[in-house]
Amino acid sequence: MTRFTFTLAIVSFAMLTLTPTPPAGALDKIPVIFDTDIGDDIDDTWALTMLLKSPQFDVKLVTTTYGKAEYRAKILAKMLTVAGRTDVAVGLGAGGRDGVGGQQAWVKDYA
């Protein structure tokens, strides 16, 4: 885990747990584009989950990065489906499309 990713996770956690949630309708949601190398470590999975559960954020797009783009996109698409957020677009990033990882069995039949 990089120092930036760790810092982002800590800041996200602090924002979600320490910031009081305003009454419904009192806050305009902040649109978010989340760029991730999900699939290698748990940090990006937690970050995406926190973003999706946060009433302050409206996740619009999730993109993959750092290679294995198709594998990472399958993880994202399946997570978004499980979360009931098929309205969130998934984009393939740079760094190569081919590759597999530890979650391959979970996404093997997922398009």
PDB file of N, CA and C in Angstrom:
ATOM      1  N   MET A   1       0.855  -1.161   0.000  1.00  0.00           N
ATOM      2  CA  MET A   1       0.000   0.000   0.000  1.00  0.00           C
ATOM      3  C   MET A   1       0.904   1.228   0.000  1.00  0.00           C
ATOM      4  N   THR A   2       0.602   2.177  -0.894  1.00  0.00           N
ATOM      5  CA  THR A   2       1.405   3.385  -0.954  1.00  0.00           C
ATOM      6  C   THR A   2       1.014   4.344   0.166  1.00  0.00           C
ATOM      7  N   ARG A   3       1.890   5.286   0.440  1.00  0.00           N
ATOM      8  CA  ARG A   3       1.604   6.264   1.482  1.00  0.00           C
ATOM      9  C   ARG A   3       0.359   7.083   1.120  1.00  0.00           C
ATOM     10  N   PHE A   4       0.211   7.429  -0.173  1.00  0.00           N
ATOM     11  CA  PHE A   4      -0.956   8.191  -0.613  1.00  0.00           C
ATOM     12  C   PHE A   4      -2.245   7.393  -0.392  1.00  0.00           C
ATOM     13  N   THR A   5      -2.237   6.121  -0.761  1.00  0.00           N
ATOM     14  CA  THR A   5      -3.429   5.290  -0.604  1.00  0.00           C
ATOM     15  C   THR A   5      -3.775   5.141   0.868  1.00  0.00           C
ATOM     16  N   PHE A   6      -2.762   4.941   1.703  1.00  0.00           N
ATOM     17  CA  PHE A   6      -2.998   4.815   3.137  1.00  0.00           C
ATOM     18  C   PHE A   6      -3.585   6.115   3.683  1.00  0.00           C
ATOM     19  N   THR A   7      -3.024   7.244   3.257  1.00  0.00           N
ATOM     20  CA  THR A   7      -3.520   8.544   3.709  1.00  0.00           C
ATOM     21  C   THR A   7      -4.954   8.747   3.253  1.00  0.00           C
ATOM     22  N   LEU A   8      -5.256   8.393   1.997  1.00  0.00           N
ATOM     23  CA  LEU A   8      -6.620   8.519   1.482  1.00  0.00           C
ATOM     24  C   LEU A   8      -7.584   7.672   2.294  1.00  0.00           C
ATOM     25  N   ALA A   9      -7.183   6.451   2.630  1.00  0.00           N
ATOM     26  CA  ALA A   9      -8.044   5.578   3.423  1.00  0.00           C
ATOM     27  C   ALA A   9      -8.299   6.163   4.808  1.00  0.00           C
ATOM     28  N   ILE A  10      -7.266   6.708   5.440  1.00  0.00           N
ATOM     29  CA  ILE A  10      -7.419   7.300   6.769  1.00  0.00           C
ATOM     30  C   ILE A  10      -8.319   8.538   6.702  1.00  0.00           C
ATOM     31  N   VAL A  11      -8.089   9.397   5.714  1.00  0.00           N
ATOM     32  CA  VAL A  11      -8.913  10.593   5.573  1.00  0.00           C
ATOM     33  C   VAL A  11     -10.356  10.208   5.287  1.00  0.00           C
ATOM     34  N   SER A  12     -10.572   9.223   4.413  1.00  0.00           N
ATOM     35  CA  SER A  12     -11.931   8.766   4.110  1.00  0.00           C
ATOM     36  C   SER A  12     -12.603   8.227   5.355  1.00  0.00           C
ATOM     37  N   PHE A  13     -11.885   7.415   6.123  1.00  0.00           N
ATOM     38  CA  PHE A  13     -12.448   6.854   7.343  1.00  0.00           C
ATOM     39  C   PHE A  13     -12.808   7.968   8.326  1.00  0.00           C
ATOM     40  N   ALA A  14     -11.910   8.917   8.484  1.00  0.00           N
ATOM     41  CA  ALA A  14     -12.163  10.023   9.409  1.00  0.00           C
ATOM     42  C   ALA A  14     -13.373  10.835   8.971  1.00  0.00           C
ATOM     43  N   MET A  15     -13.475  11.088   7.674  1.00  0.00           N
ATOM     44  CA  MET A  15     -14.606  11.865   7.171  1.00  0.00           C
ATOM     45  C   MET A  15     -15.919  11.131   7.416  1.00  0.00           C
ATOM     46  N   LEU A  16     -15.893   9.818   7.232  1.00  0.00           N
ATOM     47  CA  LEU A  16     -17.124   9.045   7.377  1.00  0.00           C
ATOM     48  C   LEU A  16     -17.528   8.845   8.827  1.00  0.00           C
ATOM     49  N   THR A  17     -16.558   8.777   9.719  1.00  0.00           N
ATOM     50  CA  THR A  17     -16.892   8.472  11.106  1.00  0.00           C
ATOM     51  C   THR A  17     -16.960   9.701  12.000  1.00  0.00           C
ATOM     52  N   LEU A  18     -16.215  10.747  11.685  1.00  0.00           N
ATOM     53  CA  LEU A  18     -16.164  11.907  12.557  1.00  0.00           C
ATOM     54  C   LEU A  18     -17.038  13.064  12.099  1.00  0.00           C
ATOM     55  N   THR A  19     -17.410  13.077  10.826  1.00  0.00           N
ATOM     56  CA  THR A  19     -18.240  14.153  10.314  1.00  0.00           C
ATOM     57  C   THR A  19     -19.705  13.828  10.569  1.00  0.00           C
ATOM     58  N   PRO A  20     -20.418  14.717  11.251  1.00  0.00           N
ATOM     59  CA  PRO A  20     -21.835  14.444  11.492  1.00  0.00           C
ATOM     60  C   PRO A  20     -22.606  14.416  10.183  1.00  0.00           C
ATOM     61  N   THR A  21     -23.551  13.527  10.077  1.00  0.00           N
ATOM     62  CA  THR A  21     -24.371  13.421   8.881  1.00  0.00           C
ATOM     63  C   THR A  21     -25.518  14.429   8.971  1.00  0.00           C
ATOM     64  N   PRO A  22     -25.611  15.331   7.984  1.00  0.00           N
ATOM     65  CA  PRO A  22     -26.691  16.310   8.010  1.00  0.00           C
ATOM     66  C   PRO A  22     -28.033  15.640   7.719  1.00  0.00           C
ATOM     67  N   PRO A  23     -29.126  16.310   8.032  1.00  0.00           N
ATOM     68  CA  PRO A  23     -30.442  15.751   7.739  1.00  0.00           C
ATOM     69  C   PRO A  23     -30.607  15.491   6.245  1.00  0.00           C
ATOM     70  N   ALA A  24     -31.439  14.533   5.903  1.00  0.00           N
ATOM     71  CA  ALA A  24     -31.679  14.189   4.499  1.00  0.00           C
ATOM     72  C   ALA A  24     -32.107  15.430   3.726  1.00  0.00           C
ATOM     73  N   GLY A  25     -31.528  15.589   2.547  1.00  0.00           N
ATOM     74  CA  GLY A  25     -31.871  16.714   1.696  1.00  0.00           C
ATOM     75  C   GLY A  25     -31.155  18.014   2.053  1.00  0.00           C
ATOM     76  N   ALA A  26     -30.405  18.034   3.131  1.00  0.00           N
ATOM     77  CA  ALA A  26     -29.750  19.267   3.555  1.00  0.00           C
ATOM     78  C   ALA A  26     -28.390  19.455   2.896  1.00  0.00           C
ATOM     79  N   LEU A  27     -27.917  18.478   2.179  1.00  0.00           N
ATOM     80  CA  LEU A  27     -26.577  18.544   1.614  1.00  0.00           C
ATOM     81  C   LEU A  27     -26.604  18.043   0.183  1.00  0.00           C
ATOM     82  N   ASP A  28     -26.014  18.812  -0.711  1.00  0.00           N
ATOM     83  CA  ASP A  28     -25.838  18.327  -2.069  1.00  0.00           C
ATOM     84  C   ASP A  28     -24.680  17.354  -2.074  1.00  0.00           C
ATOM     85  N   LYS A  29     -24.879  16.216  -2.706  1.00  0.00           N
ATOM     86  CA  LYS A  29     -23.818  15.211  -2.750  1.00  0.00           C
ATOM     87  C   LYS A  29     -22.685  15.672  -3.662  1.00  0.00           C
ATOM     88  N   ILE A  30     -21.486  15.293  -3.299  1.00  0.00           N
ATOM     89  CA  ILE A  30     -20.292  15.619  -4.071  1.00  0.00           C
ATOM     90  C   ILE A  30     -20.086  14.515  -5.106  1.00  0.00           C
ATOM     91  N   PRO A  31     -20.084  14.857  -6.404  1.00  0.00           N
ATOM     92  CA  PRO A  31     -19.844  13.829  -7.419  1.00  0.00           C
ATOM     93  C   PRO A  31     -18.394  13.343  -7.346  1.00  0.00           C
ATOM     94  N   VAL A  32     -18.201  12.022  -7.495  1.00  0.00           N
ATOM     95  CA  VAL A  32     -16.879  11.415  -7.328  1.00  0.00           C
ATOM     96  C   VAL A  32     -16.534  10.541  -8.533  1.00  0.00           C
ATOM     97  N   ILE A  33     -15.290  10.669  -8.985  1.00  0.00           N
ATOM     98  CA  ILE A  33     -14.675   9.714  -9.914  1.00  0.00           C
ATOM     99  C   ILE A  33     -13.570   9.045  -9.118  1.00  0.00           C
ATOM    100  N   PHE A  34     -13.647   7.727  -9.000  1.00  0.00           N
ATOM    101  CA  PHE A  34     -12.697   6.963  -8.189  1.00  0.00           C
ATOM    102  C   PHE A  34     -11.796   6.159  -9.112  1.00  0.00           C
ATOM    103  N   ASP A  35     -10.490   6.424  -9.084  1.00  0.00           N
ATOM    104  CA  ASP A  35      -9.499   5.710  -9.889  1.00  0.00           C
ATOM    105  C   ASP A  35      -8.781   4.735  -8.975  1.00  0.00           C
ATOM    106  N   THR A  36      -8.739   3.464  -9.354  1.00  0.00           N
ATOM    107  CA  THR A  36      -8.275   2.443  -8.425  1.00  0.00           C
ATOM    108  C   THR A  36      -7.460   1.344  -9.091  1.00  0.00           C
ATOM    109  N   ASP A  37      -6.587   0.741  -8.294  1.00  0.00           N
ATOM    110  CA  ASP A  37      -5.875  -0.465  -8.716  1.00  0.00           C
ATOM    111  C   ASP A  37      -6.419  -1.659  -7.921  1.00  0.00           C
ATOM    112  N   ILE A  38      -7.713  -1.680  -7.725  1.00  0.00           N
ATOM    113  CA  ILE A  38      -8.391  -2.712  -6.937  1.00  0.00           C
ATOM    114  C   ILE A  38      -7.978  -4.110  -7.390  1.00  0.00           C
ATOM    115  N   GLY A  39      -7.926  -5.027  -6.450  1.00  0.00           N
ATOM    116  CA  GLY A  39      -7.637  -6.412  -6.793  1.00  0.00           C
ATOM    117  C   GLY A  39      -6.306  -6.918  -6.295  1.00  0.00           C
ATOM    118  N   ASP A  40      -5.441  -6.044  -5.821  1.00  0.00           N
ATOM    119  CA  ASP A  40      -4.152  -6.478  -5.300  1.00  0.00           C
ATOM    120  C   ASP A  40      -4.141  -6.478  -3.775  1.00  0.00           C
ATOM    121  N   ASP A  41      -4.700  -5.435  -3.180  1.00  0.00           N
ATOM    122  CA  ASP A  41      -4.777  -5.297  -1.727  1.00  0.00           C
ATOM    123  C   ASP A  41      -6.212  -4.928  -1.354  1.00  0.00           C
ATOM    124  N   ILE A  42      -6.535  -4.956  -0.089  1.00  0.00           N
ATOM    125  CA  ILE A  42      -7.896  -4.698   0.389  1.00  0.00           C
ATOM    126  C   ILE A  42      -8.222  -3.212   0.462  1.00  0.00           C
ATOM    127  N   ASP A  43      -7.214  -2.332   0.420  1.00  0.00           N
ATOM    128  CA  ASP A  43      -7.452  -0.910   0.664  1.00  0.00           C
ATOM    129  C   ASP A  43      -8.447  -0.283  -0.295  1.00  0.00           C
ATOM    130  N   ASP A  44      -8.368  -0.607  -1.570  1.00  0.00           N
ATOM    131  CA  ASP A  44      -9.276  -0.006  -2.542  1.00  0.00           C
ATOM    132  C   ASP A  44     -10.696  -0.547  -2.407  1.00  0.00           C
ATOM    133  N   THR A  45     -10.820  -1.789  -1.988  1.00  0.00           N
ATOM    134  CA  THR A  45     -12.140  -2.358  -1.736  1.00  0.00           C
ATOM    135  C   THR A  45     -12.825  -1.598  -0.610  1.00  0.00           C
ATOM    136  N   TRP A  46     -12.090  -1.335   0.469  1.00  0.00           N
ATOM    137  CA  TRP A  46     -12.636  -0.576   1.591  1.00  0.00           C
ATOM    138  C   TRP A  46     -12.967   0.854   1.169  1.00  0.00           C
ATOM    139  N   ALA A  47     -12.086   1.476   0.403  1.00  0.00           N
ATOM    140  CA  ALA A  47     -12.324   2.858  -0.032  1.00  0.00           C
ATOM    141  C   ALA A  47     -13.583   2.949  -0.890  1.00  0.00           C
ATOM    142  N   LEU A  48     -13.758   2.026  -1.828  1.00  0.00           N
ATOM    143  CA  LEU A  48     -14.950   2.033  -2.670  1.00  0.00           C
ATOM    144  C   LEU A  48     -16.200   1.797  -1.835  1.00  0.00           C
ATOM    145  N   THR A  49     -16.132   0.860  -0.914  1.00  0.00           N
ATOM    146  CA  THR A  49     -17.281   0.583  -0.054  1.00  0.00           C
ATOM    147  C   THR A  49     -17.665   1.818   0.757  1.00  0.00           C
ATOM    148  N   MET A  50     -16.669   2.488   1.323  1.00  0.00           N
ATOM    149  CA  MET A  50     -16.956   3.694   2.112  1.00  0.00           C
ATOM    150  C   MET A  50     -17.550   4.800   1.243  1.00  0.00           C
ATOM    151  N   LEU A  51     -17.033   4.956   0.022  1.00  0.00           N
ATOM    152  CA  LEU A  51     -17.591   5.968  -0.876  1.00  0.00           C
ATOM    153  C   LEU A  51     -19.047   5.660  -1.219  1.00  0.00           C
ATOM    154  N   LEU A  52     -19.338   4.407  -1.494  1.00  0.00           N
ATOM    155  CA  LEU A  52     -20.702   4.015  -1.861  1.00  0.00           C
ATOM    156  C   LEU A  52     -21.682   4.177  -0.706  1.00  0.00           C
ATOM    157  N   LYS A  53     -21.219   3.961   0.508  1.00  0.00           N
ATOM    158  CA  LYS A  53     -22.084   4.049   1.687  1.00  0.00           C
ATOM    159  C   LYS A  53     -22.215   5.466   2.238  1.00  0.00           C
ATOM    160  N   SER A  54     -21.367   6.357   1.815  1.00  0.00           N
ATOM    161  CA  SER A  54     -21.349   7.709   2.362  1.00  0.00           C
ATOM    162  C   SER A  54     -22.480   8.559   1.791  1.00  0.00           C
ATOM    163  N   PRO A  55     -23.246   9.220   2.665  1.00  0.00           N
ATOM    164  CA  PRO A  55     -24.298  10.098   2.170  1.00  0.00           C
ATOM    165  C   PRO A  55     -23.753  11.399   1.562  1.00  0.00           C
ATOM    166  N   GLN A  56     -22.470  11.689   1.780  1.00  0.00           N
ATOM    167  CA  GLN A  56     -21.874  12.916   1.265  1.00  0.00           C
ATOM    168  C   GLN A  56     -21.430  12.807  -0.196  1.00  0.00           C
ATOM    169  N   PHE A  57     -21.240  11.579  -0.678  1.00  0.00           N
ATOM    170  CA  PHE A  57     -20.653  11.385  -2.002  1.00  0.00           C
ATOM    171  C   PHE A  57     -21.618  10.685  -2.950  1.00  0.00           C
ATOM    172  N   ASP A  58     -21.500  11.046  -4.230  1.00  0.00           N
ATOM    173  CA  ASP A  58     -22.270  10.410  -5.295  1.00  0.00           C
ATOM    174  C   ASP A  58     -21.272   9.866  -6.312  1.00  0.00           C
ATOM    175  N   VAL A  59     -20.974   8.578  -6.227  1.00  0.00           N
ATOM    176  CA  VAL A  59     -19.993   7.962  -7.122  1.00  0.00           C
ATOM    177  C   VAL A  59     -20.597   7.886  -8.518  1.00  0.00           C
ATOM    178  N   LYS A  60     -19.927   8.507  -9.477  1.00  0.00           N
ATOM    179  CA  LYS A  60     -20.399   8.569 -10.858  1.00  0.00           C
ATOM    180  C   LYS A  60     -19.636   7.625 -11.776  1.00  0.00           C
ATOM    181  N   LEU A  61     -18.333   7.472 -11.513  1.00  0.00           N
ATOM    182  CA  LEU A  61     -17.461   6.695 -12.400  1.00  0.00           C
ATOM    183  C   LEU A  61     -16.348   6.075 -11.580  1.00  0.00           C
ATOM    184  N   VAL A  62     -16.016   4.831 -11.897  1.00  0.00           N
ATOM    185  CA  VAL A  62     -14.875   4.156 -11.286  1.00  0.00           C
ATOM    186  C   VAL A  62     -13.986   3.684 -12.429  1.00  0.00           C
ATOM    187  N   THR A  63     -12.694   4.023 -12.365  1.00  0.00           N
ATOM    188  CA  THR A  63     -11.757   3.625 -13.417  1.00  0.00           C
ATOM    189  C   THR A  63     -10.650   2.751 -12.839  1.00  0.00           C
ATOM    190  N   THR A  64     -10.096   1.920 -13.695  1.00  0.00           N
ATOM    191  CA  THR A  64      -9.001   1.047 -13.274  1.00  0.00           C
ATOM    192  C   THR A  64      -7.678   1.665 -13.692  1.00  0.00           C
ATOM    193  N   THR A  65      -6.632   1.262 -13.002  1.00  0.00           N
ATOM    194  CA  THR A  65      -5.301   1.762 -13.319  1.00  0.00           C
ATOM    195  C   THR A  65      -4.266   0.701 -12.959  1.00  0.00           C
ATOM    196  N   TYR A  66      -3.043   0.898 -13.392  1.00  0.00           N
ATOM    197  CA  TYR A  66      -1.894   0.064 -13.027  1.00  0.00           C
ATOM    198  C   TYR A  66      -2.008  -1.367 -13.560  1.00  0.00           C
ATOM    199  N   GLY A  67      -2.401  -1.512 -14.813  1.00  0.00           N
ATOM    200  CA  GLY A  67      -2.415  -2.822 -15.451  1.00  0.00           C
ATOM    201  C   GLY A  67      -3.590  -3.697 -15.051  1.00  0.00           C
ATOM    202  N   LYS A  68      -3.687  -4.846 -15.695  1.00  0.00           N
ATOM    203  CA  LYS A  68      -4.765  -5.814 -15.457  1.00  0.00           C
ATOM    204  C   LYS A  68      -6.139  -5.146 -15.505  1.00  0.00           C
ATOM    205  N   ALA A  69      -6.336  -4.264 -16.469  1.00  0.00           N
ATOM    206  CA  ALA A  69      -7.542  -3.431 -16.514  1.00  0.00           C
ATOM    207  C   ALA A  69      -8.826  -4.251 -16.576  1.00  0.00           C
ATOM    208  N   GLU A  70      -8.870  -5.298 -17.387  1.00  0.00           N
ATOM    209  CA  GLU A  70     -10.099  -6.085 -17.506  1.00  0.00           C
ATOM    210  C   GLU A  70     -10.407  -6.841 -16.216  1.00  0.00           C
ATOM    211  N   TYR A  71      -9.412  -7.422 -15.592  1.00  0.00           N
ATOM    212  CA  TYR A  71      -9.587  -8.114 -14.311  1.00  0.00           C
ATOM    213  C   TYR A  71     -10.113  -7.149 -13.262  1.00  0.00           C
ATOM    214  N   ARG A  72      -9.503  -5.981 -13.173  1.00  0.00           N
ATOM    215  CA  ARG A  72      -9.920  -4.988 -12.190  1.00  0.00           C
ATOM    216  C   ARG A  72     -11.343  -4.495 -12.480  1.00  0.00           C
ATOM    217  N   ALA A  73     -11.669  -4.293 -13.758  1.00  0.00           N
ATOM    218  CA  ALA A  73     -13.012  -3.838 -14.128  1.00  0.00           C
ATOM    219  C   ALA A  73     -14.068  -4.880 -13.764  1.00  0.00           C
ATOM    220  N   LYS A  74     -13.746  -6.153 -13.907  1.00  0.00           N
ATOM    221  CA  LYS A  74     -14.693  -7.202 -13.515  1.00  0.00           C
ATOM    222  C   LYS A  74     -14.959  -7.168 -12.011  1.00  0.00           C
ATOM    223  N   ILE A  75     -13.914  -6.960 -11.228  1.00  0.00           N
ATOM    224  CA  ILE A  75     -14.097  -6.847  -9.775  1.00  0.00           C
ATOM    225  C   ILE A  75     -15.011  -5.659  -9.469  1.00  0.00           C
ATOM    226  N   LEU A  76     -14.728  -4.521 -10.093  1.00  0.00           N
ATOM    227  CA  LEU A  76     -15.533  -3.326  -9.856  1.00  0.00           C
ATOM    228  C   LEU A  76     -16.984  -3.540 -10.268  1.00  0.00           C
ATOM    229  N   ALA A  77     -17.183  -4.100 -11.454  1.00  0.00           N
ATOM    230  CA  ALA A  77     -18.548  -4.312 -11.939  1.00  0.00           C
ATOM    231  C   ALA A  77     -19.316  -5.265 -11.025  1.00  0.00           C
ATOM    232  N   LYS A  78     -18.661  -6.311 -10.560  1.00  0.00           N
ATOM    233  CA  LYS A  78     -19.352  -7.246  -9.667  1.00  0.00           C
ATOM    234  C   LYS A  78     -19.640  -6.598  -8.313  1.00  0.00           C
ATOM    235  N   MET A  79     -18.677  -5.856  -7.768  1.00  0.00           N
ATOM    236  CA  MET A  79     -18.910  -5.167  -6.495  1.00  0.00           C
ATOM    237  C   MET A  79     -20.064  -4.179  -6.612  1.00  0.00           C
ATOM    238  N   LEU A  80     -20.104  -3.430  -7.702  1.00  0.00           N
ATOM    239  CA  LEU A  80     -21.175  -2.457  -7.900  1.00  0.00           C
ATOM    240  C   LEU A  80     -22.528  -3.144  -8.053  1.00  0.00           C
ATOM    241  N   THR A  81     -22.550  -4.294  -8.702  1.00  0.00           N
ATOM    242  CA  THR A  81     -23.788  -5.056  -8.842  1.00  0.00           C
ATOM    243  C   THR A  81     -24.263  -5.554  -7.486  1.00  0.00           C
ATOM    244  N   VAL A  82     -23.350  -6.118  -6.700  1.00  0.00           N
ATOM    245  CA  VAL A  82     -23.692  -6.604  -5.360  1.00  0.00           C
ATOM    246  C   VAL A  82     -24.203  -5.453  -4.497  1.00  0.00           C
ATOM    247  N   ALA A  83     -23.633  -4.256  -4.662  1.00  0.00           N
ATOM    248  CA  ALA A  83     -24.028  -3.091  -3.884  1.00  0.00           C
ATOM    249  C   ALA A  83     -25.311  -2.444  -4.411  1.00  0.00           C
ATOM    250  N   GLY A  84     -25.839  -2.955  -5.523  1.00  0.00           N
ATOM    251  CA  GLY A  84     -27.039  -2.359  -6.098  1.00  0.00           C
ATOM    252  C   GLY A  84     -26.779  -1.031  -6.770  1.00  0.00           C
ATOM    253  N   ARG A  85     -25.556  -0.821  -7.260  1.00  0.00           N
ATOM    254  CA  ARG A  85     -25.167   0.458  -7.870  1.00  0.00           C
ATOM    255  C   ARG A  85     -24.725   0.254  -9.315  1.00  0.00           C
ATOM    256  N   THR A  86     -25.562  -0.408 -10.103  1.00  0.00           N
ATOM    257  CA  THR A  86     -25.234  -0.606 -11.511  1.00  0.00           C
ATOM    258  C   THR A  86     -25.329   0.688 -12.310  1.00  0.00           C
ATOM    259  N   ASP A  87     -25.742   1.777 -11.671  1.00  0.00           N
ATOM    260  CA  ASP A  87     -25.774   3.086 -12.313  1.00  0.00           C
ATOM    261  C   ASP A  87     -24.389   3.721 -12.407  1.00  0.00           C
ATOM    262  N   VAL A  88     -23.412   3.168 -11.703  1.00  0.00           N
ATOM    263  CA  VAL A  88     -22.048   3.703 -11.712  1.00  0.00           C
ATOM    264  C   VAL A  88     -21.289   3.112 -12.894  1.00  0.00           C
ATOM    265  N   ALA A  89     -20.735   3.984 -13.723  1.00  0.00           N
ATOM    266  CA  ALA A  89     -19.973   3.547 -14.896  1.00  0.00           C
ATOM    267  C   ALA A  89     -18.595   3.028 -14.477  1.00  0.00           C
ATOM    268  N   VAL A  90     -18.080   2.062 -15.257  1.00  0.00           N
ATOM    269  CA  VAL A  90     -16.744   1.502 -15.030  1.00  0.00           C
ATOM    270  C   VAL A  90     -15.924   1.744 -16.287  1.00  0.00           C
ATOM    271  N   GLY A  91     -14.734   2.323 -16.116  1.00  0.00           N
ATOM    272  CA  GLY A  91     -13.852   2.599 -17.242  1.00  0.00           C
ATOM    273  C   GLY A  91     -12.546   1.841 -17.125  1.00  0.00           C
ATOM    274  N   LEU A  92     -12.037   1.362 -18.270  1.00  0.00           N
ATOM    275  CA  LEU A  92     -10.748   0.666 -18.297  1.00  0.00           C
ATOM    276  C   LEU A  92      -9.626   1.687 -18.411  1.00  0.00           C
ATOM    277  N   GLY A  93      -8.658   1.574 -17.527  1.00  0.00           N
ATOM    278  CA  GLY A  93      -7.544   2.502 -17.518  1.00  0.00           C
ATOM    279  C   GLY A  93      -6.328   1.986 -18.266  1.00  0.00           C
ATOM    280  N   ALA A  94      -5.266   2.735 -18.166  1.00  0.00           N
ATOM    281  CA  ALA A  94      -4.012   2.423 -18.848  1.00  0.00           C
ATOM    282  C   ALA A  94      -3.216   1.382 -18.081  1.00  0.00           C
ATOM    283  N   GLY A  95      -2.144   0.931 -18.692  1.00  0.00           N
ATOM    284  CA  GLY A  95      -1.223   0.034 -18.020  1.00  0.00           C
ATOM    285  C   GLY A  95      -1.345  -1.415 -18.434  1.00  0.00           C
ATOM    286  N   GLY A  96      -2.135  -1.708 -19.434  1.00  0.00           N
ATOM    287  CA  GLY A  96      -2.295  -3.082 -19.914  1.00  0.00           C
ATOM    288  C   GLY A  96      -3.632  -3.668 -19.514  1.00  0.00           C
ATOM    289  N   ARG A  97      -4.204  -4.439 -20.416  1.00  0.00           N
ATOM    290  CA  ARG A  97      -5.534  -5.003 -20.183  1.00  0.00           C
ATOM    291  C   ARG A  97      -5.481  -6.409 -19.614  1.00  0.00           C
ATOM    292  N   ASP A  98      -4.453  -7.169 -19.932  1.00  0.00           N
ATOM    293  CA  ASP A  98      -4.395  -8.578 -19.546  1.00  0.00           C
ATOM    294  C   ASP A  98      -3.850  -8.762 -18.136  1.00  0.00           C
ATOM    295  N   GLY A  99      -4.248  -9.879 -17.542  1.00  0.00           N
ATOM    296  CA  GLY A  99      -3.746 -10.231 -16.230  1.00  0.00           C
ATOM    297  C   GLY A  99      -4.854 -10.750 -15.338  1.00  0.00           C
ATOM    298  N   VAL A 100      -4.461 -11.474 -14.310  1.00  0.00           N
ATOM    299  CA  VAL A 100      -5.400 -12.015 -13.333  1.00  0.00           C
ATOM    300  C   VAL A 100      -4.826 -11.774 -11.946  1.00  0.00           C
ATOM    301  N   GLY A 101      -5.619 -12.113 -10.937  1.00  0.00           N
ATOM    302  CA  GLY A 101      -5.175 -11.926  -9.568  1.00  0.00           C
ATOM    303  C   GLY A 101      -5.930 -12.821  -8.628  1.00  0.00           C
ATOM    304  N   GLY A 102      -5.833 -12.519  -7.349  1.00  0.00           N
ATOM    305  CA  GLY A 102      -6.397 -13.353  -6.299  1.00  0.00           C
ATOM    306  C   GLY A 102      -7.906 -13.467  -6.303  1.00  0.00           C
ATOM    307  N   GLN A 103      -8.608 -12.550  -6.957  1.00  0.00           N
ATOM    308  CA  GLN A 103     -10.070 -12.595  -7.005  1.00  0.00           C
ATOM    309  C   GLN A 103     -10.592 -13.200  -8.301  1.00  0.00           C
ATOM    310  N   GLN A 104      -9.700 -13.809  -9.082  1.00  0.00           N
ATOM    311  CA  GLN A 104     -10.077 -14.346 -10.393  1.00  0.00           C
ATOM    312  C   GLN A 104     -11.225 -15.354 -10.297  1.00  0.00           C
ATOM    313  N   ALA A 105     -11.210 -16.208  -9.320  1.00  0.00           N
ATOM    314  CA  ALA A 105     -12.285 -17.212  -9.194  1.00  0.00           C
ATOM    315  C   ALA A 105     -13.637 -16.526  -8.955  1.00  0.00           C
ATOM    316  N   TRP A 106     -13.643 -15.451  -8.213  1.00  0.00           N
ATOM    317  CA  TRP A 106     -14.879 -14.730  -7.909  1.00  0.00           C
ATOM    318  C   TRP A 106     -15.479 -14.063  -9.129  1.00  0.00           C
ATOM    319  N   VAL A 107     -14.625 -13.618 -10.075  1.00  0.00           N
ATOM    320  CA  VAL A 107     -15.099 -12.885 -11.240  1.00  0.00           C
ATOM    321  C   VAL A 107     -14.967 -13.665 -12.549  1.00  0.00           C
ATOM    322  N   LYS A 108     -14.581 -14.920 -12.499  1.00  0.00           N
ATOM    323  CA  LYS A 108     -14.280 -15.663 -13.728  1.00  0.00           C
ATOM    324  C   LYS A 108     -15.439 -15.701 -14.719  1.00  0.00           C
ATOM    325  N   ASP A 109     -16.671 -15.781 -14.251  1.00  0.00           N
ATOM    326  CA  ASP A 109     -17.815 -15.844 -15.149  1.00  0.00           C
ATOM    327  C   ASP A 109     -18.508 -14.502 -15.302  1.00  0.00           C
ATOM    328  N   TYR A 110     -17.879 -13.459 -14.819  1.00  0.00           N
ATOM    329  CA  TYR A 110     -18.492 -12.138 -14.843  1.00  0.00           C
ATOM    330  C   TYR A 110     -17.983 -11.358 -16.040  1.00  0.00           C
ATOM    331  N   ALA A 111     -18.892 -10.737 -16.755  1.00  0.00           N
ATOM    332  CA  ALA A 111     -18.500  -9.979 -17.958  1.00  0.00           C
ATOM    333  C   ALA A 111     -18.363  -8.516 -17.645  1.00  0.00           C
TER     334      ALA A 111
END
